[in-house]
Amino acid sequence: MEIINIKQLVADILSKQTDLNYCGTSYPDKLTKFPAAIYHTAHKPHFIDSDKQELETDWTVSIDLFNDHGSLTEISNKLVNELVKLGFSYTSGDQNLAGVKRTALVFNAMVDNQRRMVFQN
């Protein structure tokens, strides 16, 4: 059973956000391009059958958005809408880091790899 690649799905969603000037899975040495998105994913088995096939997987997607001026609300709302539409639940928080605004989005879901469905967990 192949695990559905949520990381690639997130990368595809982020690549379509034309208002992002930087998007990656690692923090650059100097964060100079804004708005920016840094994301990472984590997953763990939710259900493995007797044949050792991972039928269900719990996924966590974290996206940190940064901007040196202006609001992150529009970008944040677009990302939330895209991932919630797929079945993810989310939490959001923000802070101001020495003049750079940051919004942290964390999405969670259980993915049924056999039926190719996403469920909030």
N, C-alpha and C. Protein backbone atom coordinates (compact mmCIF):
# COMPACT_ATOMS: atom_id res chain seq x y z
N MET A 1 0.85 -1.18 0.00
CA MET A 1 0.00 0.00 0.00
C MET A 1 0.89 1.24 0.00
N GLU A 2 0.69 2.09 -0.94
CA GLU A 2 1.47 3.32 -1.03
C GLU A 2 0.84 4.42 -0.18
N ILE A 3 1.68 5.09 0.60
CA ILE A 3 1.21 6.21 1.42
C ILE A 3 1.02 7.41 0.51
N ILE A 4 -0.13 8.06 0.63
CA ILE A 4 -0.40 9.24 -0.18
C ILE A 4 0.58 10.34 0.22
N ASN A 5 1.19 10.98 -0.77
CA ASN A 5 2.23 11.98 -0.53
C ASN A 5 1.61 13.36 -0.30
N ILE A 6 1.29 13.65 0.94
CA ILE A 6 0.71 14.94 1.30
C ILE A 6 1.73 16.06 1.14
N LYS A 7 3.00 15.76 1.36
CA LYS A 7 4.03 16.79 1.20
C LYS A 7 4.02 17.36 -0.22
N GLN A 8 3.91 16.50 -1.22
CA GLN A 8 3.87 16.97 -2.60
C GLN A 8 2.60 17.78 -2.85
N LEU A 9 1.51 17.37 -2.26
CA LEU A 9 0.25 18.11 -2.40
C LEU A 9 0.39 19.52 -1.82
N VAL A 10 1.02 19.64 -0.66
CA VAL A 10 1.24 20.95 -0.03
C VAL A 10 2.17 21.80 -0.90
N ALA A 11 3.23 21.19 -1.42
CA ALA A 11 4.15 21.92 -2.31
C ALA A 11 3.40 22.46 -3.53
N ASP A 12 2.51 21.66 -4.08
CA ASP A 12 1.73 22.10 -5.24
C ASP A 12 0.82 23.27 -4.89
N ILE A 13 0.17 23.20 -3.73
CA ILE A 13 -0.72 24.28 -3.29
C ILE A 13 0.09 25.57 -3.08
N LEU A 14 1.23 25.46 -2.42
CA LEU A 14 2.06 26.64 -2.17
C LEU A 14 2.63 27.22 -3.46
N SER A 15 2.98 26.38 -4.42
CA SER A 15 3.55 26.88 -5.67
C SER A 15 2.54 27.69 -6.47
N LYS A 16 1.26 27.48 -6.23
CA LYS A 16 0.21 28.23 -6.93
C LYS A 16 -0.08 29.59 -6.29
N GLN A 17 0.53 29.87 -5.14
CA GLN A 17 0.32 31.14 -4.45
C GLN A 17 1.25 32.18 -5.06
N THR A 18 0.75 32.93 -6.03
CA THR A 18 1.59 33.86 -6.79
C THR A 18 2.07 35.04 -5.95
N ASP A 19 1.44 35.29 -4.82
CA ASP A 19 1.87 36.42 -3.99
C ASP A 19 3.02 36.05 -3.04
N LEU A 20 3.48 34.80 -3.05
CA LEU A 20 4.64 34.40 -2.25
C LEU A 20 5.92 34.62 -3.05
N ASN A 21 6.90 35.28 -2.46
CA ASN A 21 8.18 35.51 -3.13
C ASN A 21 9.23 34.47 -2.76
N TYR A 22 8.98 33.70 -1.71
CA TYR A 22 9.86 32.60 -1.33
C TYR A 22 9.00 31.49 -0.75
N CYS A 23 9.32 30.26 -1.14
CA CYS A 23 8.63 29.10 -0.58
C CYS A 23 9.62 27.96 -0.55
N GLY A 24 9.77 27.33 0.62
CA GLY A 24 10.69 26.22 0.73
C GLY A 24 10.48 25.41 1.99
N THR A 25 11.26 24.34 2.08
CA THR A 25 11.16 23.45 3.25
C THR A 25 12.22 23.75 4.29
N SER A 26 13.10 24.71 4.01
CA SER A 26 14.12 25.09 4.98
C SER A 26 14.25 26.60 5.03
N TYR A 27 14.70 27.06 6.19
CA TYR A 27 14.89 28.50 6.36
C TYR A 27 16.17 28.93 5.64
N PRO A 28 16.10 30.00 4.85
CA PRO A 28 17.33 30.49 4.21
C PRO A 28 18.25 31.11 5.26
N ASP A 29 19.53 31.27 4.92
CA ASP A 29 20.47 31.91 5.84
C ASP A 29 20.00 33.30 6.23
N LYS A 30 19.49 34.03 5.25
CA LYS A 30 18.90 35.35 5.51
C LYS A 30 17.54 35.40 4.85
N LEU A 31 16.55 35.71 5.62
CA LEU A 31 15.19 35.82 5.10
C LEU A 31 15.01 37.22 4.54
N THR A 32 15.14 37.35 3.22
CA THR A 32 15.10 38.66 2.59
C THR A 32 13.97 38.82 1.58
N LYS A 33 13.35 37.71 1.15
CA LYS A 33 12.26 37.77 0.19
C LYS A 33 10.94 37.59 0.92
N PHE A 34 10.06 38.59 0.81
CA PHE A 34 8.78 38.55 1.49
C PHE A 34 7.65 38.79 0.50
N PRO A 35 6.48 38.28 0.74
CA PRO A 35 6.12 37.29 1.76
C PRO A 35 6.80 35.95 1.47
N ALA A 36 7.03 35.22 2.54
CA ALA A 36 7.72 33.94 2.45
C ALA A 36 6.93 32.86 3.18
N ALA A 37 7.07 31.63 2.71
CA ALA A 37 6.45 30.48 3.37
C ALA A 37 7.50 29.40 3.54
N ILE A 38 7.62 28.90 4.76
CA ILE A 38 8.49 27.76 5.05
C ILE A 38 7.57 26.67 5.62
N TYR A 39 7.65 25.49 5.04
CA TYR A 39 6.73 24.43 5.45
C TYR A 39 7.47 23.13 5.72
N HIS A 40 6.83 22.29 6.53
CA HIS A 40 7.31 20.93 6.70
C HIS A 40 6.13 20.04 7.04
N THR A 41 6.33 18.76 6.80
CA THR A 41 5.28 17.79 7.06
C THR A 41 5.83 16.67 7.93
N ALA A 42 4.93 16.02 8.64
CA ALA A 42 5.28 14.85 9.44
C ALA A 42 4.11 13.88 9.35
N HIS A 43 4.43 12.60 9.37
CA HIS A 43 3.36 11.61 9.34
C HIS A 43 3.74 10.40 10.17
N LYS A 44 2.70 9.71 10.64
CA LYS A 44 2.91 8.47 11.40
C LYS A 44 1.74 7.54 11.10
N PRO A 45 1.97 6.25 11.19
CA PRO A 45 0.90 5.29 10.91
C PRO A 45 -0.27 5.47 11.88
N HIS A 46 -1.47 5.41 11.34
CA HIS A 46 -2.68 5.45 12.16
C HIS A 46 -3.25 4.03 12.27
N PHE A 47 -3.22 3.30 11.15
CA PHE A 47 -3.71 1.92 11.15
C PHE A 47 -2.90 1.09 10.16
N ILE A 48 -2.34 -0.02 10.65
CA ILE A 48 -1.60 -0.97 9.83
C ILE A 48 -2.33 -2.30 9.92
N ASP A 49 -2.62 -2.90 8.77
CA ASP A 49 -3.37 -4.15 8.77
C ASP A 49 -2.47 -5.35 9.06
N SER A 50 -3.04 -6.54 9.07
CA SER A 50 -2.29 -7.76 9.42
C SER A 50 -1.22 -8.10 8.38
N ASP A 51 -1.33 -7.53 7.19
CA ASP A 51 -0.32 -7.73 6.15
C ASP A 51 0.76 -6.65 6.19
N LYS A 52 0.75 -5.85 7.27
CA LYS A 52 1.74 -4.76 7.46
C LYS A 52 1.59 -3.65 6.42
N GLN A 53 0.38 -3.48 5.92
CA GLN A 53 0.08 -2.40 4.99
C GLN A 53 -0.45 -1.20 5.78
N GLU A 54 0.13 -0.03 5.57
CA GLU A 54 -0.32 1.17 6.26
C GLU A 54 -1.56 1.72 5.54
N LEU A 55 -2.71 1.37 6.09
CA LEU A 55 -3.97 1.77 5.46
C LEU A 55 -4.35 3.20 5.79
N GLU A 56 -3.99 3.67 6.97
CA GLU A 56 -4.33 5.03 7.39
C GLU A 56 -3.08 5.70 7.98
N THR A 57 -2.91 6.98 7.66
CA THR A 57 -1.75 7.74 8.10
C THR A 57 -2.19 9.06 8.70
N ASP A 58 -1.65 9.42 9.88
CA ASP A 58 -1.88 10.74 10.47
C ASP A 58 -0.83 11.70 9.92
N TRP A 59 -1.29 12.82 9.41
CA TRP A 59 -0.40 13.84 8.83
C TRP A 59 -0.51 15.14 9.59
N THR A 60 0.64 15.81 9.77
CA THR A 60 0.70 17.17 10.30
C THR A 60 1.47 18.01 9.30
N VAL A 61 0.90 19.13 8.92
CA VAL A 61 1.52 20.06 7.99
C VAL A 61 1.67 21.39 8.72
N SER A 62 2.90 21.90 8.79
CA SER A 62 3.17 23.20 9.42
C SER A 62 3.65 24.17 8.35
N ILE A 63 3.02 25.34 8.31
CA ILE A 63 3.41 26.38 7.37
C ILE A 63 3.62 27.67 8.16
N ASP A 64 4.84 28.21 8.08
CA ASP A 64 5.14 29.50 8.68
C ASP A 64 5.18 30.54 7.58
N LEU A 65 4.37 31.57 7.74
CA LEU A 65 4.33 32.67 6.77
C LEU A 65 5.02 33.88 7.38
N PHE A 66 5.81 34.59 6.58
CA PHE A 66 6.53 35.78 7.05
C PHE A 66 6.31 36.93 6.08
N ASN A 67 6.23 38.14 6.64
CA ASN A 67 6.14 39.34 5.82
C ASN A 67 6.77 40.50 6.58
N ASP A 68 7.48 41.36 5.86
CA ASP A 68 8.12 42.50 6.52
C ASP A 68 7.24 43.73 6.52
N HIS A 69 6.19 43.72 5.74
CA HIS A 69 5.20 44.81 5.75
C HIS A 69 3.88 44.25 5.23
N GLY A 70 2.81 44.83 5.64
CA GLY A 70 1.51 44.35 5.20
C GLY A 70 1.03 43.13 5.96
N SER A 71 -0.17 42.77 5.68
CA SER A 71 -0.84 41.69 6.39
C SER A 71 -0.59 40.34 5.72
N LEU A 72 -0.66 39.30 6.50
CA LEU A 72 -0.57 37.93 6.00
C LEU A 72 -1.95 37.26 5.92
N THR A 73 -2.98 38.00 6.24
CA THR A 73 -4.33 37.44 6.33
C THR A 73 -4.80 36.84 5.01
N GLU A 74 -4.59 37.53 3.91
CA GLU A 74 -5.08 37.04 2.62
C GLU A 74 -4.41 35.73 2.22
N ILE A 75 -3.09 35.67 2.34
CA ILE A 75 -2.36 34.44 2.02
C ILE A 75 -2.77 33.32 2.97
N SER A 76 -2.85 33.64 4.25
CA SER A 76 -3.25 32.66 5.25
C SER A 76 -4.63 32.09 4.95
N ASN A 77 -5.57 32.96 4.62
CA ASN A 77 -6.94 32.51 4.31
C ASN A 77 -6.98 31.60 3.09
N LYS A 78 -6.19 31.93 2.07
CA LYS A 78 -6.14 31.09 0.87
C LYS A 78 -5.64 29.69 1.21
N LEU A 79 -4.56 29.61 2.00
CA LEU A 79 -4.01 28.31 2.36
C LEU A 79 -4.97 27.51 3.23
N VAL A 80 -5.59 28.19 4.20
CA VAL A 80 -6.57 27.51 5.06
C VAL A 80 -7.71 26.97 4.21
N ASN A 81 -8.24 27.78 3.30
CA ASN A 81 -9.35 27.33 2.45
C ASN A 81 -8.97 26.10 1.63
N GLU A 82 -7.76 26.11 1.06
CA GLU A 82 -7.32 24.98 0.23
C GLU A 82 -7.22 23.69 1.05
N LEU A 83 -6.60 23.75 2.22
CA LEU A 83 -6.39 22.53 3.00
C LEU A 83 -7.64 22.08 3.76
N VAL A 84 -8.45 23.01 4.21
CA VAL A 84 -9.71 22.63 4.86
C VAL A 84 -10.64 21.98 3.83
N LYS A 85 -10.62 22.49 2.61
CA LYS A 85 -11.43 21.91 1.53
C LYS A 85 -11.04 20.45 1.30
N LEU A 86 -9.78 20.10 1.54
CA LEU A 86 -9.32 18.72 1.39
C LEU A 86 -9.67 17.84 2.58
N GLY A 87 -10.05 18.47 3.73
CA GLY A 87 -10.44 17.69 4.89
C GLY A 87 -9.57 17.90 6.12
N PHE A 88 -8.60 18.80 6.07
CA PHE A 88 -7.72 19.05 7.21
C PHE A 88 -8.39 19.99 8.22
N SER A 89 -8.07 19.79 9.49
CA SER A 89 -8.42 20.77 10.52
C SER A 89 -7.17 21.61 10.74
N TYR A 90 -7.30 22.78 11.39
CA TYR A 90 -6.12 23.62 11.54
C TYR A 90 -6.17 24.46 12.80
N THR A 91 -4.99 24.93 13.19
CA THR A 91 -4.85 25.96 14.21
C THR A 91 -3.95 27.04 13.61
N SER A 92 -4.10 28.24 14.14
CA SER A 92 -3.33 29.37 13.62
C SER A 92 -2.89 30.26 14.76
N GLY A 93 -1.72 30.84 14.63
CA GLY A 93 -1.22 31.79 15.61
C GLY A 93 -0.31 32.78 14.90
N ASP A 94 -0.10 33.93 15.52
CA ASP A 94 0.79 34.90 14.89
C ASP A 94 1.61 35.64 15.94
N GLN A 95 2.67 36.28 15.47
CA GLN A 95 3.52 37.07 16.34
C GLN A 95 4.33 38.04 15.48
N ASN A 96 4.89 39.04 16.12
CA ASN A 96 5.73 40.02 15.46
C ASN A 96 7.15 39.79 15.95
N LEU A 97 8.05 39.45 15.01
CA LEU A 97 9.44 39.14 15.35
C LEU A 97 10.35 40.28 14.88
N ALA A 98 10.58 41.25 15.72
CA ALA A 98 11.49 42.37 15.40
C ALA A 98 11.16 42.99 14.05
N GLY A 99 9.91 43.32 13.85
CA GLY A 99 9.49 43.99 12.62
C GLY A 99 9.06 43.06 11.51
N VAL A 100 9.22 41.76 11.69
CA VAL A 100 8.77 40.79 10.69
C VAL A 100 7.54 40.08 11.25
N LYS A 101 6.46 40.12 10.48
CA LYS A 101 5.23 39.45 10.92
C LYS A 101 5.31 37.97 10.57
N ARG A 102 4.79 37.14 11.49
CA ARG A 102 4.79 35.69 11.29
C ARG A 102 3.41 35.14 11.62
N THR A 103 2.91 34.29 10.74
CA THR A 103 1.71 33.53 11.01
C THR A 103 2.07 32.05 10.91
N ALA A 104 1.74 31.29 11.95
CA ALA A 104 2.02 29.86 11.98
C ALA A 104 0.71 29.10 11.80
N LEU A 105 0.65 28.29 10.76
CA LEU A 105 -0.51 27.45 10.47
C LEU A 105 -0.12 26.00 10.67
N VAL A 106 -0.94 25.25 11.40
CA VAL A 106 -0.69 23.82 11.61
C VAL A 106 -1.98 23.08 11.22
N PHE A 107 -1.83 22.17 10.27
CA PHE A 107 -2.96 21.40 9.75
C PHE A 107 -2.79 19.94 10.15
N ASN A 108 -3.91 19.28 10.47
CA ASN A 108 -3.89 17.87 10.86
C ASN A 108 -5.01 17.13 10.16
N ALA A 109 -4.71 15.88 9.79
CA ALA A 109 -5.73 15.02 9.20
C ALA A 109 -5.26 13.57 9.23
N MET A 110 -6.20 12.68 9.11
CA MET A 110 -5.93 11.27 8.93
C MET A 110 -6.26 10.95 7.47
N VAL A 111 -5.32 10.33 6.78
CA VAL A 111 -5.50 10.01 5.37
C VAL A 111 -5.69 8.50 5.22
N ASP A 112 -6.78 8.13 4.56
CA ASP A 112 -7.05 6.73 4.24
C ASP A 112 -6.34 6.45 2.92
N ASN A 113 -5.23 5.72 2.97
CA ASN A 113 -4.42 5.47 1.78
C ASN A 113 -5.08 4.53 0.79
N GLN A 114 -5.98 3.70 1.26
CA GLN A 114 -6.66 2.74 0.40
C GLN A 114 -7.79 3.40 -0.38
N ARG A 115 -8.63 4.15 0.32
CA ARG A 115 -9.76 4.83 -0.32
C ARG A 115 -9.41 6.22 -0.82
N ARG A 116 -8.17 6.70 -0.51
CA ARG A 116 -7.70 8.00 -0.95
C ARG A 116 -8.63 9.12 -0.47
N MET A 117 -8.92 9.07 0.84
CA MET A 117 -9.79 10.05 1.46
C MET A 117 -9.07 10.68 2.65
N VAL A 118 -9.47 11.92 2.99
CA VAL A 118 -8.89 12.64 4.10
C VAL A 118 -9.97 12.88 5.15
N PHE A 119 -9.62 12.63 6.42
CA PHE A 119 -10.56 12.81 7.52
C PHE A 119 -9.93 13.68 8.59
N GLN A 120 -10.70 14.56 9.20
CA GLN A 120 -10.18 15.33 10.33
C GLN A 120 -10.01 14.39 11.51
N ASN A 121 -8.90 14.60 12.24
CA ASN A 121 -8.70 13.76 13.42
C ASN A 121 -8.57 14.62 14.65
